[in-house]
mmCIF file of all heavy atoms, coordinates in Angstrom:
data_MODEL
# 
_entry.id   MODEL 
# 
loop_
_atom_site.group_PDB 
_atom_site.id 
_atom_site.type_symbol 
_atom_site.label_atom_id 
_atom_site.label_alt_id 
_atom_site.label_comp_id 
_atom_site.label_asym_id 
_atom_site.label_entity_id 
_atom_site.label_seq_id 
_atom_site.pdbx_PDB_ins_code 
_atom_site.Cartn_x 
_atom_site.Cartn_y 
_atom_site.Cartn_z 
_atom_site.occupancy 
_atom_site.B_iso_or_equiv 
_atom_site.pdbx_formal_charge 
_atom_site.auth_seq_id 
_atom_site.auth_comp_id 
_atom_site.auth_asym_id 
_atom_site.auth_atom_id 
_atom_site.pdbx_PDB_model_num 
ATOM 1   N N   . ARG A 1 1  ? 101.989 117.137 113.298 1.00 0.00 ? 1  ARG A N   1 
ATOM 2   C CA  . ARG A 1 1  ? 103.250 116.497 112.886 1.00 0.00 ? 1  ARG A CA  1 
ATOM 3   C C   . ARG A 1 1  ? 103.403 115.106 113.500 1.00 0.00 ? 1  ARG A C   1 
ATOM 4   O O   . ARG A 1 1  ? 103.760 114.156 112.818 1.00 0.00 ? 1  ARG A O   1 
ATOM 5   C CB  . ARG A 1 1  ? 104.426 117.396 113.293 1.00 0.00 ? 1  ARG A CB  1 
ATOM 6   C CG  . ARG A 1 1  ? 105.777 116.919 112.767 1.00 0.00 ? 1  ARG A CG  1 
ATOM 7   C CD  . ARG A 1 1  ? 106.867 117.898 113.180 1.00 0.00 ? 1  ARG A CD  1 
ATOM 8   N NE  . ARG A 1 1  ? 108.186 117.476 112.736 1.00 0.00 ? 1  ARG A NE  1 
ATOM 9   C CZ  . ARG A 1 1  ? 108.708 117.758 111.566 1.00 0.00 ? 1  ARG A CZ  1 
ATOM 10  N NH1 . ARG A 1 1  ? 108.018 118.464 110.684 1.00 0.00 ? 1  ARG A NH1 1 
ATOM 11  N NH2 . ARG A 1 1  ? 109.924 117.346 111.237 1.00 0.00 ? 1  ARG A NH2 1 
ATOM 12  N N   . THR A 1 2  ? 103.107 114.996 114.797 1.00 0.00 ? 2  THR A N   1 
ATOM 13  C CA  . THR A 1 2  ? 103.219 113.693 115.454 1.00 0.00 ? 2  THR A CA  1 
ATOM 14  C C   . THR A 1 2  ? 102.275 112.676 114.823 1.00 0.00 ? 2  THR A C   1 
ATOM 15  O O   . THR A 1 2  ? 102.666 111.537 114.548 1.00 0.00 ? 2  THR A O   1 
ATOM 16  C CB  . THR A 1 2  ? 102.906 113.822 116.958 1.00 0.00 ? 2  THR A CB  1 
ATOM 17  O OG1 . THR A 1 2  ? 103.841 114.720 117.554 1.00 0.00 ? 2  THR A OG1 1 
ATOM 18  C CG2 . THR A 1 2  ? 102.996 112.471 117.648 1.00 0.00 ? 2  THR A CG2 1 
ATOM 19  N N   . GLY A 1 3  ? 101.022 113.096 114.577 1.00 0.00 ? 3  GLY A N   1 
ATOM 20  C CA  . GLY A 1 3  ? 100.039 112.187 113.987 1.00 0.00 ? 3  GLY A CA  1 
ATOM 21  C C   . GLY A 1 3  ? 100.461 111.675 112.620 1.00 0.00 ? 3  GLY A C   1 
ATOM 22  O O   . GLY A 1 3  ? 100.316 110.486 112.315 1.00 0.00 ? 3  GLY A O   1 
ATOM 23  N N   . LEU A 1 4  ? 101.021 112.560 111.787 1.00 0.00 ? 4  LEU A N   1 
ATOM 24  C CA  . LEU A 1 4  ? 101.420 112.138 110.441 1.00 0.00 ? 4  LEU A CA  1 
ATOM 25  C C   . LEU A 1 4  ? 102.614 111.186 110.493 1.00 0.00 ? 4  LEU A C   1 
ATOM 26  O O   . LEU A 1 4  ? 102.640 110.170 109.789 1.00 0.00 ? 4  LEU A O   1 
ATOM 27  C CB  . LEU A 1 4  ? 101.760 113.350 109.572 1.00 0.00 ? 4  LEU A CB  1 
ATOM 28  C CG  . LEU A 1 4  ? 102.095 112.986 108.126 1.00 0.00 ? 4  LEU A CG  1 
ATOM 29  C CD1 . LEU A 1 4  ? 100.867 112.438 107.393 1.00 0.00 ? 4  LEU A CD1 1 
ATOM 30  C CD2 . LEU A 1 4  ? 102.653 114.172 107.368 1.00 0.00 ? 4  LEU A CD2 1 
ATOM 31  N N   . ILE A 1 5  ? 103.596 111.501 111.345 1.00 0.00 ? 5  ILE A N   1 
ATOM 32  C CA  . ILE A 1 5  ? 104.764 110.620 111.441 1.00 0.00 ? 5  ILE A CA  1 
ATOM 33  C C   . ILE A 1 5  ? 104.352 109.241 111.963 1.00 0.00 ? 5  ILE A C   1 
ATOM 34  O O   . ILE A 1 5  ? 104.863 108.208 111.521 1.00 0.00 ? 5  ILE A O   1 
ATOM 35  C CB  . ILE A 1 5  ? 105.867 111.251 112.319 1.00 0.00 ? 5  ILE A CB  1 
ATOM 36  C CG1 . ILE A 1 5  ? 106.407 112.519 111.642 1.00 0.00 ? 5  ILE A CG1 1 
ATOM 37  C CG2 . ILE A 1 5  ? 107.010 110.273 112.556 1.00 0.00 ? 5  ILE A CG2 1 
ATOM 38  C CD1 . ILE A 1 5  ? 107.418 113.284 112.468 1.00 0.00 ? 5  ILE A CD1 1 
ATOM 39  N N   . LEU A 1 6  ? 103.392 109.218 112.878 1.00 0.00 ? 6  LEU A N   1 
ATOM 40  C CA  . LEU A 1 6  ? 102.870 107.931 113.357 1.00 0.00 ? 6  LEU A CA  1 
ATOM 41  C C   . LEU A 1 6  ? 102.240 107.141 112.214 1.00 0.00 ? 6  LEU A C   1 
ATOM 42  O O   . LEU A 1 6  ? 102.423 105.926 112.106 1.00 0.00 ? 6  LEU A O   1 
ATOM 43  C CB  . LEU A 1 6  ? 101.839 108.156 114.462 1.00 0.00 ? 6  LEU A CB  1 
ATOM 44  C CG  . LEU A 1 6  ? 102.389 108.420 115.863 1.00 0.00 ? 6  LEU A CG  1 
ATOM 45  C CD1 . LEU A 1 6  ? 101.288 108.933 116.773 1.00 0.00 ? 6  LEU A CD1 1 
ATOM 46  C CD2 . LEU A 1 6  ? 103.015 107.161 116.444 1.00 0.00 ? 6  LEU A CD2 1 
ATOM 47  N N   . GLU A 1 7  ? 101.494 107.824 111.357 1.00 0.00 ? 7  GLU A N   1 
ATOM 48  C CA  . GLU A 1 7  ? 100.879 107.149 110.200 1.00 0.00 ? 7  GLU A CA  1 
ATOM 49  C C   . GLU A 1 7  ? 101.954 106.567 109.283 1.00 0.00 ? 7  GLU A C   1 
ATOM 50  O O   . GLU A 1 7  ? 101.838 105.438 108.796 1.00 0.00 ? 7  GLU A O   1 
ATOM 51  C CB  . GLU A 1 7  ? 100.007 108.134 109.415 1.00 0.00 ? 7  GLU A CB  1 
ATOM 52  C CG  . GLU A 1 7  ? 98.717  108.536 110.123 1.00 0.00 ? 7  GLU A CG  1 
ATOM 53  C CD  . GLU A 1 7  ? 97.624  107.490 109.963 1.00 0.00 ? 7  GLU A CD  1 
ATOM 54  O OE1 . GLU A 1 7  ? 97.875  106.443 109.336 1.00 0.00 ? 7  GLU A OE1 1 
ATOM 55  O OE2 . GLU A 1 7  ? 96.516  107.715 110.478 1.00 0.00 ? 7  GLU A OE2 1 
ATOM 56  N N   . ILE A 1 8  ? 103.017 107.352 109.049 1.00 0.00 ? 8  ILE A N   1 
ATOM 57  C CA  . ILE A 1 8  ? 104.100 106.878 108.176 1.00 0.00 ? 8  ILE A CA  1 
ATOM 58  C C   . ILE A 1 8  ? 104.775 105.661 108.796 1.00 0.00 ? 8  ILE A C   1 
ATOM 59  O O   . ILE A 1 8  ? 105.036 104.656 108.125 1.00 0.00 ? 8  ILE A O   1 
ATOM 60  C CB  . ILE A 1 8  ? 105.127 108.006 107.935 1.00 0.00 ? 8  ILE A CB  1 
ATOM 61  C CG1 . ILE A 1 8  ? 104.485 109.153 107.150 1.00 0.00 ? 8  ILE A CG1 1 
ATOM 62  C CG2 . ILE A 1 8  ? 106.341 107.474 107.171 1.00 0.00 ? 8  ILE A CG2 1 
ATOM 63  C CD1 . ILE A 1 8  ? 105.346 110.402 107.087 1.00 0.00 ? 8  ILE A CD1 1 
ATOM 64  N N   . PHE A 1 9  ? 105.057 105.739 110.103 1.00 0.00 ? 9  PHE A N   1 
ATOM 65  C CA  . PHE A 1 9  ? 105.706 104.612 110.768 1.00 0.00 ? 9  PHE A CA  1 
ATOM 66  C C   . PHE A 1 9  ? 104.828 103.373 110.737 1.00 0.00 ? 9  PHE A C   1 
ATOM 67  O O   . PHE A 1 9  ? 105.306 102.254 110.573 1.00 0.00 ? 9  PHE A O   1 
ATOM 68  C CB  . PHE A 1 9  ? 106.049 104.989 112.214 1.00 0.00 ? 9  PHE A CB  1 
ATOM 69  C CG  . PHE A 1 9  ? 107.385 105.659 112.360 1.00 0.00 ? 9  PHE A CG  1 
ATOM 70  C CD1 . PHE A 1 9  ? 107.753 106.684 111.501 1.00 0.00 ? 9  PHE A CD1 1 
ATOM 71  C CD2 . PHE A 1 9  ? 108.266 105.281 113.346 1.00 0.00 ? 9  PHE A CD2 1 
ATOM 72  C CE1 . PHE A 1 9  ? 108.979 107.309 111.624 1.00 0.00 ? 9  PHE A CE1 1 
ATOM 73  C CE2 . PHE A 1 9  ? 109.497 105.903 113.486 1.00 0.00 ? 9  PHE A CE2 1 
ATOM 74  C CZ  . PHE A 1 9  ? 109.850 106.913 112.624 1.00 0.00 ? 9  PHE A CZ  1 
ATOM 75  N N   . ALA A 1 10 ? 103.520 103.567 110.898 1.00 0.00 ? 10 ALA A N   1 
ATOM 76  C CA  . ALA A 1 10 ? 102.602 102.427 110.831 1.00 0.00 ? 10 ALA A CA  1 
ATOM 77  C C   . ALA A 1 10 ? 102.655 101.779 109.463 1.00 0.00 ? 10 ALA A C   1 
ATOM 78  O O   . ALA A 1 10 ? 102.545 100.556 109.325 1.00 0.00 ? 10 ALA A O   1 
ATOM 79  C CB  . ALA A 1 10 ? 101.174 102.892 111.135 1.00 0.00 ? 10 ALA A CB  1 
ATOM 80  N N   . ASP A 1 11 ? 102.851 102.584 108.450 1.00 0.00 ? 11 ASP A N   1 
ATOM 81  C CA  . ASP A 1 11 ? 102.889 102.084 107.082 1.00 0.00 ? 11 ASP A CA  1 
ATOM 82  C C   . ASP A 1 11 ? 104.200 101.355 106.769 1.00 0.00 ? 11 ASP A C   1 
ATOM 83  O O   . ASP A 1 11 ? 104.238 100.454 105.939 1.00 0.00 ? 11 ASP A O   1 
ATOM 84  C CB  . ASP A 1 11 ? 102.711 103.259 106.109 1.00 0.00 ? 11 ASP A CB  1 
ATOM 85  C CG  . ASP A 1 11 ? 102.485 102.811 104.680 1.00 0.00 ? 11 ASP A CG  1 
ATOM 86  O OD1 . ASP A 1 11 ? 101.437 102.202 104.415 1.00 0.00 ? 11 ASP A OD1 1 
ATOM 87  O OD2 . ASP A 1 11 ? 103.368 103.057 103.829 1.00 0.00 ? 11 ASP A OD2 1 
ATOM 88  N N   . ARG A 1 12 ? 105.281 101.741 107.478 1.00 0.00 ? 12 ARG A N   1 
ATOM 89  C CA  . ARG A 1 12 ? 106.609 101.221 107.134 1.00 0.00 ? 12 ARG A CA  1 
ATOM 90  C C   . ARG A 1 12 ? 107.120 100.108 108.030 1.00 0.00 ? 12 ARG A C   1 
ATOM 91  O O   . ARG A 1 12 ? 107.999 99.350  107.624 1.00 0.00 ? 12 ARG A O   1 
ATOM 92  C CB  . ARG A 1 12 ? 107.637 102.361 107.181 1.00 0.00 ? 12 ARG A CB  1 
ATOM 93  C CG  . ARG A 1 12 ? 107.330 103.513 106.259 1.00 0.00 ? 12 ARG A CG  1 
ATOM 94  C CD  . ARG A 1 12 ? 107.736 103.182 104.814 1.00 0.00 ? 12 ARG A CD  1 
ATOM 95  N NE  . ARG A 1 12 ? 107.050 104.084 103.916 1.00 0.00 ? 12 ARG A NE  1 
ATOM 96  C CZ  . ARG A 1 12 ? 107.357 105.345 103.733 1.00 0.00 ? 12 ARG A CZ  1 
ATOM 97  N NH1 . ARG A 1 12 ? 108.379 105.852 104.359 1.00 0.00 ? 12 ARG A NH1 1 
ATOM 98  N NH2 . ARG A 1 12 ? 106.666 106.089 102.899 1.00 0.00 ? 12 ARG A NH2 1 
ATOM 99  N N   . ALA A 1 13 ? 106.652 100.037 109.270 1.00 0.00 ? 13 ALA A N   1 
ATOM 100 C CA  . ALA A 1 13 ? 107.204 99.049  110.211 1.00 0.00 ? 13 ALA A CA  1 
ATOM 101 C C   . ALA A 1 13 ? 107.016 97.632  109.675 1.00 0.00 ? 13 ALA A C   1 
ATOM 102 O O   . ALA A 1 13 ? 105.934 97.284  109.202 1.00 0.00 ? 13 ALA A O   1 
ATOM 103 C CB  . ALA A 1 13 ? 106.543 99.188  111.579 1.00 0.00 ? 13 ALA A CB  1 
ATOM 104 N N   . ARG A 1 14 ? 108.056 96.841  109.725 1.00 0.00 ? 14 ARG A N   1 
ATOM 105 C CA  . ARG A 1 14 ? 107.990 95.464  109.209 1.00 0.00 ? 14 ARG A CA  1 
ATOM 106 C C   . ARG A 1 14 ? 108.320 94.424  110.277 1.00 0.00 ? 14 ARG A C   1 
ATOM 107 O O   . ARG A 1 14 ? 107.728 93.364  110.313 1.00 0.00 ? 14 ARG A O   1 
ATOM 108 C CB  . ARG A 1 14 ? 108.963 95.317  108.022 1.00 0.00 ? 14 ARG A CB  1 
ATOM 109 C CG  . ARG A 1 14 ? 108.555 96.131  106.799 1.00 0.00 ? 14 ARG A CG  1 
ATOM 110 C CD  . ARG A 1 14 ? 107.263 95.600  106.172 1.00 0.00 ? 14 ARG A CD  1 
ATOM 111 N NE  . ARG A 1 14 ? 106.844 96.421  105.043 1.00 0.00 ? 14 ARG A NE  1 
ATOM 112 C CZ  . ARG A 1 14 ? 105.996 97.438  105.113 1.00 0.00 ? 14 ARG A CZ  1 
ATOM 113 N NH1 . ARG A 1 14 ? 105.473 97.777  106.287 1.00 0.00 ? 14 ARG A NH1 1 
ATOM 114 N NH2 . ARG A 1 14 ? 105.653 98.124  104.050 1.00 0.00 ? 14 ARG A NH2 1 
ATOM 115 N N   . THR A 1 15 ? 109.293 94.704  111.131 1.00 0.00 ? 15 THR A N   1 
ATOM 116 C CA  . THR A 1 15 ? 109.647 93.718  112.157 1.00 0.00 ? 15 THR A CA  1 
ATOM 117 C C   . THR A 1 15 ? 108.575 93.700  113.242 1.00 0.00 ? 15 THR A C   1 
ATOM 118 O O   . THR A 1 15 ? 107.846 94.670  113.434 1.00 0.00 ? 15 THR A O   1 
ATOM 119 C CB  . THR A 1 15 ? 111.003 94.040  112.803 1.00 0.00 ? 15 THR A CB  1 
ATOM 120 O OG1 . THR A 1 15 ? 110.909 95.293  113.490 1.00 0.00 ? 15 THR A OG1 1 
ATOM 121 C CG2 . THR A 1 15 ? 112.119 94.101  111.772 1.00 0.00 ? 15 THR A CG2 1 
ATOM 122 N N   . ARG A 1 16 ? 108.513 92.596  113.963 1.00 0.00 ? 16 ARG A N   1 
ATOM 123 C CA  . ARG A 1 16 ? 107.521 92.459  115.038 1.00 0.00 ? 16 ARG A CA  1 
ATOM 124 C C   . ARG A 1 16 ? 107.685 93.569  116.073 1.00 0.00 ? 16 ARG A C   1 
ATOM 125 O O   . ARG A 1 16 ? 106.713 94.187  116.512 1.00 0.00 ? 16 ARG A O   1 
ATOM 126 C CB  . ARG A 1 16 ? 107.671 91.080  115.693 1.00 0.00 ? 16 ARG A CB  1 
ATOM 127 C CG  . ARG A 1 16 ? 106.727 90.830  116.864 1.00 0.00 ? 16 ARG A CG  1 
ATOM 128 C CD  . ARG A 1 16 ? 105.277 90.834  116.413 1.00 0.00 ? 16 ARG A CD  1 
ATOM 129 N NE  . ARG A 1 16 ? 104.365 90.535  117.505 1.00 0.00 ? 16 ARG A NE  1 
ATOM 130 C CZ  . ARG A 1 16 ? 103.120 90.958  117.559 1.00 0.00 ? 16 ARG A CZ  1 
ATOM 131 N NH1 . ARG A 1 16 ? 102.638 91.726  116.598 1.00 0.00 ? 16 ARG A NH1 1 
ATOM 132 N NH2 . ARG A 1 16 ? 102.344 90.630  118.559 1.00 0.00 ? 16 ARG A NH2 1 
ATOM 133 N N   . GLU A 1 17 ? 108.929 93.838  116.456 1.00 0.00 ? 17 GLU A N   1 
ATOM 134 C CA  . GLU A 1 17 ? 109.146 94.872  117.464 1.00 0.00 ? 17 GLU A CA  1 
ATOM 135 C C   . GLU A 1 17 ? 108.770 96.249  116.927 1.00 0.00 ? 17 GLU A C   1 
ATOM 136 O O   . GLU A 1 17 ? 108.164 97.065  117.628 1.00 0.00 ? 17 GLU A O   1 
ATOM 137 C CB  . GLU A 1 17 ? 110.596 94.892  117.944 1.00 0.00 ? 17 GLU A CB  1 
ATOM 138 C CG  . GLU A 1 17 ? 110.784 95.900  119.064 1.00 0.00 ? 17 GLU A CG  1 
ATOM 139 C CD  . GLU A 1 17 ? 112.214 95.984  119.543 1.00 0.00 ? 17 GLU A CD  1 
ATOM 140 O OE1 . GLU A 1 17 ? 113.109 95.503  118.845 1.00 0.00 ? 17 GLU A OE1 1 
ATOM 141 O OE2 . GLU A 1 17 ? 112.424 96.547  120.620 1.00 0.00 ? 17 GLU A OE2 1 
ATOM 142 N N   . GLY A 1 18 ? 109.136 96.512  115.679 1.00 0.00 ? 18 GLY A N   1 
ATOM 143 C CA  . GLY A 1 18 ? 108.790 97.807  115.088 1.00 0.00 ? 18 GLY A CA  1 
ATOM 144 C C   . GLY A 1 18 ? 107.295 98.046  115.080 1.00 0.00 ? 18 GLY A C   1 
ATOM 145 O O   . GLY A 1 18 ? 106.816 99.127  115.424 1.00 0.00 ? 18 GLY A O   1 
ATOM 146 N N   . VAL A 1 19 ? 106.527 97.000  114.710 1.00 0.00 ? 19 VAL A N   1 
ATOM 147 C CA  . VAL A 1 19 ? 105.060 97.103  114.685 1.00 0.00 ? 19 VAL A CA  1 
ATOM 148 C C   . VAL A 1 19 ? 104.526 97.399  116.082 1.00 0.00 ? 19 VAL A C   1 
ATOM 149 O O   . VAL A 1 19 ? 103.683 98.288  116.278 1.00 0.00 ? 19 VAL A O   1 
ATOM 150 C CB  . VAL A 1 19 ? 104.437 95.802  114.130 1.00 0.00 ? 19 VAL A CB  1 
ATOM 151 C CG1 . VAL A 1 19 ? 102.919 95.799  114.326 1.00 0.00 ? 19 VAL A CG1 1 
ATOM 152 C CG2 . VAL A 1 19 ? 104.764 95.640  112.648 1.00 0.00 ? 19 VAL A CG2 1 
ATOM 153 N N   . LEU A 1 20 ? 105.019 96.664  117.082 1.00 0.00 ? 20 LEU A N   1 
ATOM 154 C CA  . LEU A 1 20 ? 104.536 96.853  118.449 1.00 0.00 ? 20 LEU A CA  1 
ATOM 155 C C   . LEU A 1 20 ? 104.900 98.232  118.997 1.00 0.00 ? 20 LEU A C   1 
ATOM 156 O O   . LEU A 1 20 ? 104.088 98.893  119.645 1.00 0.00 ? 20 LEU A O   1 
ATOM 157 C CB  . LEU A 1 20 ? 105.113 95.769  119.364 1.00 0.00 ? 20 LEU A CB  1 
ATOM 158 C CG  . LEU A 1 20 ? 104.591 94.339  119.145 1.00 0.00 ? 20 LEU A CG  1 
ATOM 159 C CD1 . LEU A 1 20 ? 105.399 93.354  119.980 1.00 0.00 ? 20 LEU A CD1 1 
ATOM 160 C CD2 . LEU A 1 20 ? 103.110 94.243  119.484 1.00 0.00 ? 20 LEU A CD2 1 
ATOM 161 N N   . GLN A 1 21 ? 106.128 98.683  118.718 1.00 0.00 ? 21 GLN A N   1 
ATOM 162 C CA  . GLN A 1 21 ? 106.558 99.983  119.233 1.00 0.00 ? 21 GLN A CA  1 
ATOM 163 C C   . GLN A 1 21 ? 105.725 101.109 118.637 1.00 0.00 ? 21 GLN A C   1 
ATOM 164 O O   . GLN A 1 21 ? 105.339 102.050 119.326 1.00 0.00 ? 21 GLN A O   1 
ATOM 165 C CB  . GLN A 1 21 ? 108.043 100.217 118.910 1.00 0.00 ? 21 GLN A CB  1 
ATOM 166 C CG  . GLN A 1 21 ? 109.010 99.334  119.684 1.00 0.00 ? 21 GLN A CG  1 
ATOM 167 C CD  . GLN A 1 21 ? 109.195 99.773  121.124 1.00 0.00 ? 21 GLN A CD  1 
ATOM 168 O OE1 . GLN A 1 21 ? 108.416 100.546 121.658 1.00 0.00 ? 21 GLN A OE1 1 
ATOM 169 N NE2 . GLN A 1 21 ? 110.217 99.255  121.769 1.00 0.00 ? 21 GLN A NE2 1 
ATOM 170 N N   . VAL A 1 22 ? 105.445 101.024 117.333 1.00 0.00 ? 22 VAL A N   1 
ATOM 171 C CA  . VAL A 1 22 ? 104.656 102.070 116.686 1.00 0.00 ? 22 VAL A CA  1 
ATOM 172 C C   . VAL A 1 22 ? 103.222 102.053 117.213 1.00 0.00 ? 22 VAL A C   1 
ATOM 173 O O   . VAL A 1 22 ? 102.620 103.100 117.476 1.00 0.00 ? 22 VAL A O   1 
ATOM 174 C CB  . VAL A 1 22 ? 104.674 101.898 115.153 1.00 0.00 ? 22 VAL A CB  1 
ATOM 175 C CG1 . VAL A 1 22 ? 103.738 102.904 114.493 1.00 0.00 ? 22 VAL A CG1 1 
ATOM 176 C CG2 . VAL A 1 22 ? 106.083 102.087 114.617 1.00 0.00 ? 22 VAL A CG2 1 
ATOM 177 N N   . GLU A 1 23 ? 102.672 100.852 117.392 1.00 0.00 ? 23 GLU A N   1 
ATOM 178 C CA  . GLU A 1 23 ? 101.307 100.761 117.907 1.00 0.00 ? 23 GLU A CA  1 
ATOM 179 C C   . GLU A 1 23 ? 101.226 101.328 119.323 1.00 0.00 ? 23 GLU A C   1 
ATOM 180 O O   . GLU A 1 23 ? 100.280 102.043 119.672 1.00 0.00 ? 23 GLU A O   1 
ATOM 181 C CB  . GLU A 1 23 ? 100.838 99.303  117.893 1.00 0.00 ? 23 GLU A CB  1 
ATOM 182 C CG  . GLU A 1 23 ? 99.355  99.153  118.174 1.00 0.00 ? 23 GLU A CG  1 
ATOM 183 C CD  . GLU A 1 23 ? 98.833  97.751  117.894 1.00 0.00 ? 23 GLU A CD  1 
ATOM 184 O OE1 . GLU A 1 23 ? 99.569  96.963  117.263 1.00 0.00 ? 23 GLU A OE1 1 
ATOM 185 O OE2 . GLU A 1 23 ? 97.713  97.459  118.312 1.00 0.00 ? 23 GLU A OE2 1 
ATOM 186 N N   . LEU A 1 24 ? 102.246 101.037 120.132 1.00 0.00 ? 24 LEU A N   1 
ATOM 187 C CA  . LEU A 1 24 ? 102.283 101.567 121.495 1.00 0.00 ? 24 LEU A CA  1 
ATOM 188 C C   . LEU A 1 24 ? 102.380 103.097 121.478 1.00 0.00 ? 24 LEU A C   1 
ATOM 189 O O   . LEU A 1 24 ? 101.693 103.794 122.234 1.00 0.00 ? 24 LEU A O   1 
ATOM 190 C CB  . LEU A 1 24 ? 103.473 100.965 122.243 1.00 0.00 ? 24 LEU A CB  1 
ATOM 191 C CG  . LEU A 1 24 ? 103.610 101.327 123.725 1.00 0.00 ? 24 LEU A CG  1 
ATOM 192 C CD1 . LEU A 1 24 ? 102.395 100.858 124.511 1.00 0.00 ? 24 LEU A CD1 1 
ATOM 193 C CD2 . LEU A 1 24 ? 104.876 100.693 124.294 1.00 0.00 ? 24 LEU A CD2 1 
ATOM 194 N N   . ALA A 1 25 ? 103.220 103.627 120.597 1.00 0.00 ? 25 ALA A N   1 
ATOM 195 C CA  . ALA A 1 25 ? 103.362 105.080 120.486 1.00 0.00 ? 25 ALA A CA  1 
ATOM 196 C C   . ALA A 1 25 ? 102.053 105.723 120.058 1.00 0.00 ? 25 ALA A C   1 
ATOM 197 O O   . ALA A 1 25 ? 101.652 106.772 120.573 1.00 0.00 ? 25 ALA A O   1 
ATOM 198 C CB  . ALA A 1 25 ? 104.472 105.419 119.479 1.00 0.00 ? 25 ALA A CB  1 
ATOM 199 N N   . ALA A 1 26 ? 101.350 105.078 119.122 1.00 0.00 ? 26 ALA A N   1 
ATOM 200 C CA  . ALA A 1 26 ? 100.081 105.632 118.640 1.00 0.00 ? 26 ALA A CA  1 
ATOM 201 C C   . ALA A 1 26 ? 99.020  105.627 119.733 1.00 0.00 ? 26 ALA A C   1 
ATOM 202 O O   . ALA A 1 26 ? 98.266  106.589 119.881 1.00 0.00 ? 26 ALA A O   1 
ATOM 203 C CB  . ALA A 1 26 ? 99.595  104.835 117.434 1.00 0.00 ? 26 ALA A CB  1 
ATOM 204 N N   . LEU A 1 27 ? 98.963  104.546 120.503 1.00 0.00 ? 27 LEU A N   1 
ATOM 205 C CA  . LEU A 1 27 ? 97.970  104.485 121.584 1.00 0.00 ? 27 LEU A CA  1 
ATOM 206 C C   . LEU A 1 27 ? 98.253  105.537 122.650 1.00 0.00 ? 27 LEU A C   1 
ATOM 207 O O   . LEU A 1 27 ? 97.337  106.171 123.183 1.00 0.00 ? 27 LEU A O   1 
ATOM 208 C CB  . LEU A 1 27 ? 97.961  103.089 122.206 1.00 0.00 ? 27 LEU A CB  1 
ATOM 209 C CG  . LEU A 1 27 ? 97.270  101.999 121.380 1.00 0.00 ? 27 LEU A CG  1 
ATOM 210 C CD1 . LEU A 1 27 ? 97.531  100.634 121.988 1.00 0.00 ? 27 LEU A CD1 1 
ATOM 211 C CD2 . LEU A 1 27 ? 95.783  102.261 121.280 1.00 0.00 ? 27 LEU A CD2 1 
ATOM 212 N N   . SER A 1 28 ? 99.538  105.732 122.969 1.00 0.00 ? 28 SER A N   1 
ATOM 213 C CA  . SER A 1 28 ? 99.898  106.751 123.956 1.00 0.00 ? 28 SER A CA  1 
ATOM 214 C C   . SER A 1 28 ? 99.489  108.127 123.463 1.00 0.00 ? 28 SER A C   1 
ATOM 215 O O   . SER A 1 28 ? 99.003  108.964 124.229 1.00 0.00 ? 28 SER A O   1 
ATOM 216 C CB  . SER A 1 28 ? 101.406 106.722 124.221 1.00 0.00 ? 28 SER A CB  1 
ATOM 217 O OG  . SER A 1 28 ? 101.803 105.456 124.702 1.00 0.00 ? 28 SER A OG  1 
ATOM 218 N N   . TYR A 1 29 ? 99.684  108.363 122.166 1.00 0.00 ? 29 TYR A N   1 
ATOM 219 C CA  . TYR A 1 29 ? 99.306  109.646 121.559 1.00 0.00 ? 29 TYR A CA  1 
ATOM 220 C C   . TYR A 1 29 ? 97.783  109.813 121.553 1.00 0.00 ? 29 TYR A C   1 
ATOM 221 O O   . TYR A 1 29 ? 97.251  110.857 121.925 1.00 0.00 ? 29 TYR A O   1 
ATOM 222 C CB  . TYR A 1 29 ? 99.856  109.687 120.132 1.00 0.00 ? 29 TYR A CB  1 
ATOM 223 C CG  . TYR A 1 29 ? 99.428  110.882 119.307 1.00 0.00 ? 29 TYR A CG  1 
ATOM 224 C CD1 . TYR A 1 29 ? 99.948  112.146 119.562 1.00 0.00 ? 29 TYR A CD1 1 
ATOM 225 C CD2 . TYR A 1 29 ? 98.523  110.734 118.267 1.00 0.00 ? 29 TYR A CD2 1 
ATOM 226 C CE1 . TYR A 1 29 ? 99.570  113.236 118.793 1.00 0.00 ? 29 TYR A CE1 1 
ATOM 227 C CE2 . TYR A 1 29 ? 98.138  111.816 117.494 1.00 0.00 ? 29 TYR A CE2 1 
ATOM 228 C CZ  . TYR A 1 29 ? 98.673  113.064 117.770 1.00 0.00 ? 29 TYR A CZ  1 
ATOM 229 O OH  . TYR A 1 29 ? 98.301  114.137 117.001 1.00 0.00 ? 29 TYR A OH  1 
# 
């Protein structure tokens, strides 16, 4: 579940902060 939601967030993030936060979350995972 976590992996799929991360993929969705990676696909949807548009703002600079959103992109960085999702990338950080994915690396931590």
